[in-house]
Amino acid sequence: MTLIASSDIETIETSAAATIDVAAARLDALCAKHAPVSAVRRESLAVAISLGADATTLATLADAVRVSRKETVLIPQGRFARLSRGKGWCRSGKGAGASWAELEGNEYRVGPGKYVVGSNDGFTRKEQTDWTVSHVQVGTQTWTVAS
């Protein structure tokens, strides 16, 4: 059995506190640069810092419109899709080679790629938004970002 001296415990506690202070300062600086940052995004950035993400990865996570700590991300339906006669879609590609995303609640769950999310109101109004979804390596985990 190995005993740890109290001075060693104090050194370990001081080192841990310093590491936490450095991570908190890094998070605060990142959030100030990419303001405004929501509480949920701030939590994801804190997790990324704890996993050892580099500055480029942190900037990518902070700038993304949507971030998911999974292999896929949810992107929202078009604004007209939920109207009484409205229709919405999410596709990757064009023509016969297009693949269509499945609706999950009010959002589409998609993996990496380029997507077009569109909708119409059943009359004359139409809109569409282009999304680029990619994977980002955060430590040993793969996260997904959409912009």
C-alpha atoms as a PDB file:
ATOM      1  CA  MET A   1       0.000   0.000   0.000  1.00  0.00           C
ATOM      2  CA  THR A   2       1.387   3.383  -1.032  1.00  0.00           C
ATOM      3  CA  LEU A   3       0.681   6.412   1.089  1.00  0.00           C
ATOM      4  CA  ILE A   4       0.405   9.845  -0.462  1.00  0.00           C
ATOM      5  CA  ALA A   5       1.881  12.716   1.477  1.00  0.00           C
ATOM      6  CA  SER A   6      -0.372  15.691   2.210  1.00  0.00           C
ATOM      7  CA  SER A   7       1.974  17.974   0.258  1.00  0.00           C
ATOM      8  CA  ASP A   8       1.459  15.766  -2.825  1.00  0.00           C
ATOM      9  CA  ILE A   9      -2.313  16.006  -2.412  1.00  0.00           C
ATOM     10  CA  GLU A  10      -2.079  19.806  -2.207  1.00  0.00           C
ATOM     11  CA  THR A  11       0.061  19.850  -5.370  1.00  0.00           C
ATOM     12  CA  ILE A  12      -2.468  17.693  -7.210  1.00  0.00           C
ATOM     13  CA  GLU A  13      -5.378  19.880  -6.057  1.00  0.00           C
ATOM     14  CA  THR A  14      -3.546  23.069  -7.063  1.00  0.00           C
ATOM     15  CA  SER A  15      -2.707  21.612 -10.486  1.00  0.00           C
ATOM     16  CA  ALA A  16      -6.331  20.540 -11.045  1.00  0.00           C
ATOM     17  CA  ALA A  17      -7.618  23.972 -10.011  1.00  0.00           C
ATOM     18  CA  ALA A  18      -5.156  25.666 -12.369  1.00  0.00           C
ATOM     19  CA  THR A  19      -6.280  23.416 -15.236  1.00  0.00           C
ATOM     20  CA  ILE A  20      -9.919  24.262 -14.550  1.00  0.00           C
ATOM     21  CA  ASP A  21      -9.100  27.978 -14.407  1.00  0.00           C
ATOM     22  CA  VAL A  22      -7.263  27.801 -17.750  1.00  0.00           C
ATOM     23  CA  ALA A  23     -10.179  25.907 -19.351  1.00  0.00           C
ATOM     24  CA  ALA A  24     -12.698  28.423 -17.958  1.00  0.00           C
ATOM     25  CA  ALA A  25     -10.632  31.357 -19.242  1.00  0.00           C
ATOM     26  CA  ARG A  26     -10.347  29.703 -22.668  1.00  0.00           C
ATOM     27  CA  LEU A  27     -14.123  29.130 -22.742  1.00  0.00           C
ATOM     28  CA  ASP A  28     -14.864  32.726 -21.712  1.00  0.00           C
ATOM     29  CA  ALA A  29     -12.540  34.108 -24.405  1.00  0.00           C
ATOM     30  CA  LEU A  30     -14.089  31.854 -27.052  1.00  0.00           C
ATOM     31  CA  CYS A  31     -17.649  32.824 -26.081  1.00  0.00           C
ATOM     32  CA  ALA A  32     -16.751  36.529 -26.087  1.00  0.00           C
ATOM     33  CA  LYS A  33     -15.258  36.251 -29.577  1.00  0.00           C
ATOM     34  CA  HIS A  34     -18.237  34.337 -31.014  1.00  0.00           C
ATOM     35  CA  ALA A  35     -21.013  36.127 -29.066  1.00  0.00           C
ATOM     36  CA  PRO A  36     -23.850  35.516 -28.577  1.00  0.00           C
ATOM     37  CA  VAL A  37     -23.422  31.925 -27.397  1.00  0.00           C
ATOM     38  CA  SER A  38     -26.364  30.029 -25.892  1.00  0.00           C
ATOM     39  CA  ALA A  39     -26.079  28.094 -22.639  1.00  0.00           C
ATOM     40  CA  VAL A  40     -26.366  24.779 -24.492  1.00  0.00           C
ATOM     41  CA  ARG A  41     -23.630  25.753 -26.974  1.00  0.00           C
ATOM     42  CA  ARG A  42     -21.458  26.954 -24.072  1.00  0.00           C
ATOM     43  CA  GLU A  43     -21.876  23.531 -22.459  1.00  0.00           C
ATOM     44  CA  SER A  44     -20.855  21.799 -25.703  1.00  0.00           C
ATOM     45  CA  LEU A  45     -17.804  24.061 -25.992  1.00  0.00           C
ATOM     46  CA  ALA A  46     -16.844  23.266 -22.391  1.00  0.00           C
ATOM     47  CA  VAL A  47     -17.074  19.545 -23.162  1.00  0.00           C
ATOM     48  CA  ALA A  48     -14.961  20.052 -26.305  1.00  0.00           C
ATOM     49  CA  ILE A  49     -12.312  21.918 -24.302  1.00  0.00           C
ATOM     50  CA  SER A  50     -12.243  19.128 -21.726  1.00  0.00           C
ATOM     51  CA  LEU A  51     -11.747  16.612 -24.551  1.00  0.00           C
ATOM     52  CA  GLY A  52      -8.735  18.581 -25.797  1.00  0.00           C
ATOM     53  CA  ALA A  53     -10.162  20.218 -28.928  1.00  0.00           C
ATOM     54  CA  ASP A  54      -7.828  22.598 -30.748  1.00  0.00           C
ATOM     55  CA  ALA A  55      -8.621  26.246 -31.565  1.00  0.00           C
ATOM     56  CA  THR A  56      -9.795  25.519 -35.114  1.00  0.00           C
ATOM     57  CA  THR A  57     -12.249  22.871 -33.932  1.00  0.00           C
ATOM     58  CA  LEU A  58     -13.565  25.153 -31.199  1.00  0.00           C
ATOM     59  CA  ALA A  59     -14.095  27.965 -33.718  1.00  0.00           C
ATOM     60  CA  THR A  60     -15.952  25.558 -36.026  1.00  0.00           C
ATOM     61  CA  LEU A  61     -18.205  24.461 -33.156  1.00  0.00           C
ATOM     62  CA  ALA A  62     -18.834  28.047 -32.051  1.00  0.00           C
ATOM     63  CA  ASP A  63     -19.668  29.275 -35.575  1.00  0.00           C
ATOM     64  CA  ALA A  64     -21.949  26.375 -36.568  1.00  0.00           C
ATOM     65  CA  VAL A  65     -25.692  26.960 -36.726  1.00  0.00           C
ATOM     66  CA  ARG A  66     -26.394  23.475 -35.333  1.00  0.00           C
ATOM     67  CA  VAL A  67     -24.119  21.150 -33.311  1.00  0.00           C
ATOM     68  CA  SER A  68     -24.750  17.561 -32.258  1.00  0.00           C
ATOM     69  CA  ARG A  69     -22.492  15.315 -30.190  1.00  0.00           C
ATOM     70  CA  LYS A  70     -23.679  12.378 -32.308  1.00  0.00           C
ATOM     71  CA  GLU A  71     -23.126  11.030 -35.831  1.00  0.00           C
ATOM     72  CA  THR A  72     -26.173  12.944 -37.103  1.00  0.00           C
ATOM     73  CA  VAL A  73     -27.692  16.392 -36.569  1.00  0.00           C
ATOM     74  CA  LEU A  74     -31.247  17.759 -36.697  1.00  0.00           C
ATOM     75  CA  ILE A  75     -31.982  20.583 -39.131  1.00  0.00           C
ATOM     76  CA  PRO A  76     -35.306  22.454 -39.066  1.00  0.00           C
ATOM     77  CA  GLN A  77     -38.175  22.257 -41.524  1.00  0.00           C
ATOM     78  CA  GLY A  78     -38.927  25.153 -43.816  1.00  0.00           C
ATOM     79  CA  ARG A  79     -41.190  27.874 -42.442  1.00  0.00           C
ATOM     80  CA  PHE A  80     -44.187  26.974 -44.632  1.00  0.00           C
ATOM     81  CA  ALA A  81     -44.118  23.201 -44.054  1.00  0.00           C
ATOM     82  CA  ARG A  82     -46.360  23.271 -40.974  1.00  0.00           C
ATOM     83  CA  LEU A  83     -49.133  25.379 -42.518  1.00  0.00           C
ATOM     84  CA  SER A  84     -52.504  23.749 -43.261  1.00  0.00           C
ATOM     85  CA  ARG A  85     -51.692  23.068 -46.938  1.00  0.00           C
ATOM     86  CA  GLY A  86     -47.932  23.360 -46.589  1.00  0.00           C
ATOM     87  CA  LYS A  87     -45.388  20.796 -47.700  1.00  0.00           C
ATOM     88  CA  GLY A  88     -41.761  20.423 -46.747  1.00  0.00           C
ATOM     89  CA  TRP A  89     -38.762  18.406 -47.902  1.00  0.00           C
ATOM     90  CA  CYS A  90     -35.106  17.798 -47.283  1.00  0.00           C
ATOM     91  CA  ARG A  91     -32.984  16.284 -50.020  1.00  0.00           C
ATOM     92  CA  SER A  92     -29.379  15.651 -50.856  1.00  0.00           C
ATOM     93  CA  GLY A  93     -28.588  15.683 -54.560  1.00  0.00           C
ATOM     94  CA  LYS A  94     -30.785  16.300 -57.583  1.00  0.00           C
ATOM     95  CA  GLY A  95     -32.914  14.303 -59.972  1.00  0.00           C
ATOM     96  CA  ALA A  96     -33.183  10.530 -59.763  1.00  0.00           C
ATOM     97  CA  GLY A  97     -30.062  10.341 -57.581  1.00  0.00           C
ATOM     98  CA  ALA A  98     -31.518  12.511 -54.812  1.00  0.00           C
ATOM     99  CA  SER A  99     -31.881  11.031 -51.346  1.00  0.00           C
ATOM    100  CA  TRP A 100     -34.624  12.275 -49.062  1.00  0.00           C
ATOM    101  CA  ALA A 101     -34.244  12.768 -45.328  1.00  0.00           C
ATOM    102  CA  GLU A 102     -36.808  11.431 -42.879  1.00  0.00           C
ATOM    103  CA  LEU A 103     -38.812  13.847 -40.765  1.00  0.00           C
ATOM    104  CA  GLU A 104     -38.331  13.412 -37.016  1.00  0.00           C
ATOM    105  CA  GLY A 105     -40.751  15.621 -35.100  1.00  0.00           C
ATOM    106  CA  ASN A 106     -40.408  19.045 -36.752  1.00  0.00           C
ATOM    107  CA  GLU A 107     -36.836  18.493 -37.954  1.00  0.00           C
ATOM    108  CA  TYR A 108     -34.863  16.313 -40.343  1.00  0.00           C
ATOM    109  CA  ARG A 109     -32.120  14.004 -39.027  1.00  0.00           C
ATOM    110  CA  VAL A 110     -29.197  14.052 -41.462  1.00  0.00           C
ATOM    111  CA  GLY A 111     -25.569  12.974 -41.666  1.00  0.00           C
ATOM    112  CA  PRO A 112     -22.658  14.591 -43.518  1.00  0.00           C
ATOM    113  CA  GLY A 113     -23.394  16.105 -46.920  1.00  0.00           C
ATOM    114  CA  LYS A 114     -25.058  19.026 -48.667  1.00  0.00           C
ATOM    115  CA  TYR A 115     -28.806  19.359 -48.204  1.00  0.00           C
ATOM    116  CA  VAL A 116     -31.604  21.557 -49.481  1.00  0.00           C
ATOM    117  CA  VAL A 117     -34.495  22.079 -47.077  1.00  0.00           C
ATOM    118  CA  GLY A 118     -37.527  23.594 -48.721  1.00  0.00           C
ATOM    119  CA  SER A 119     -41.196  24.202 -48.196  1.00  0.00           C
ATOM    120  CA  ASN A 120     -44.242  25.787 -49.803  1.00  0.00           C
ATOM    121  CA  ASP A 121     -47.581  26.952 -48.432  1.00  0.00           C
ATOM    122  CA  GLY A 122     -49.680  25.090 -51.003  1.00  0.00           C
ATOM    123  CA  PHE A 123     -50.279  28.290 -52.965  1.00  0.00           C
ATOM    124  CA  THR A 124     -47.539  30.594 -54.282  1.00  0.00           C
ATOM    125  CA  ARG A 125     -45.046  31.075 -51.442  1.00  0.00           C
ATOM    126  CA  LYS A 126     -41.901  28.927 -51.545  1.00  0.00           C
ATOM    127  CA  GLU A 127     -38.577  28.977 -49.722  1.00  0.00           C
ATOM    128  CA  GLN A 128     -35.483  26.847 -49.504  1.00  0.00           C
ATOM    129  CA  THR A 129     -32.311  26.826 -47.440  1.00  0.00           C
ATOM    130  CA  ASP A 130     -28.988  25.179 -48.235  1.00  0.00           C
ATOM    131  CA  TRP A 131     -27.218  23.310 -45.409  1.00  0.00           C
ATOM    132  CA  THR A 132     -23.721  21.869 -45.287  1.00  0.00           C
ATOM    133  CA  VAL A 133     -23.356  19.107 -42.694  1.00  0.00           C
ATOM    134  CA  SER A 134     -19.962  17.696 -41.700  1.00  0.00           C
ATOM    135  CA  HIS A 135     -18.270  15.646 -39.029  1.00  0.00           C
ATOM    136  CA  VAL A 136     -15.796  17.234 -36.619  1.00  0.00           C
ATOM    137  CA  GLN A 137     -13.331  15.185 -34.576  1.00  0.00           C
ATOM    138  CA  VAL A 138     -13.417  16.311 -30.924  1.00  0.00           C
ATOM    139  CA  GLY A 139     -10.888  14.303 -28.946  1.00  0.00           C
ATOM    140  CA  THR A 140     -11.866  10.683 -29.581  1.00  0.00           C
ATOM    141  CA  GLN A 141     -15.481  11.539 -30.389  1.00  0.00           C
ATOM    142  CA  THR A 142     -17.119  12.430 -33.694  1.00  0.00           C
ATOM    143  CA  TRP A 143     -19.541  15.369 -33.548  1.00  0.00           C
ATOM    144  CA  THR A 144     -21.690  16.716 -36.360  1.00  0.00           C
ATOM    145  CA  VAL A 145     -22.082  20.394 -37.314  1.00  0.00           C
ATOM    146  CA  ALA A 146     -24.492  22.048 -39.731  1.00  0.00           C
ATOM    147  CA  SER A 147     -24.145  25.496 -41.259  1.00  0.00           C
END
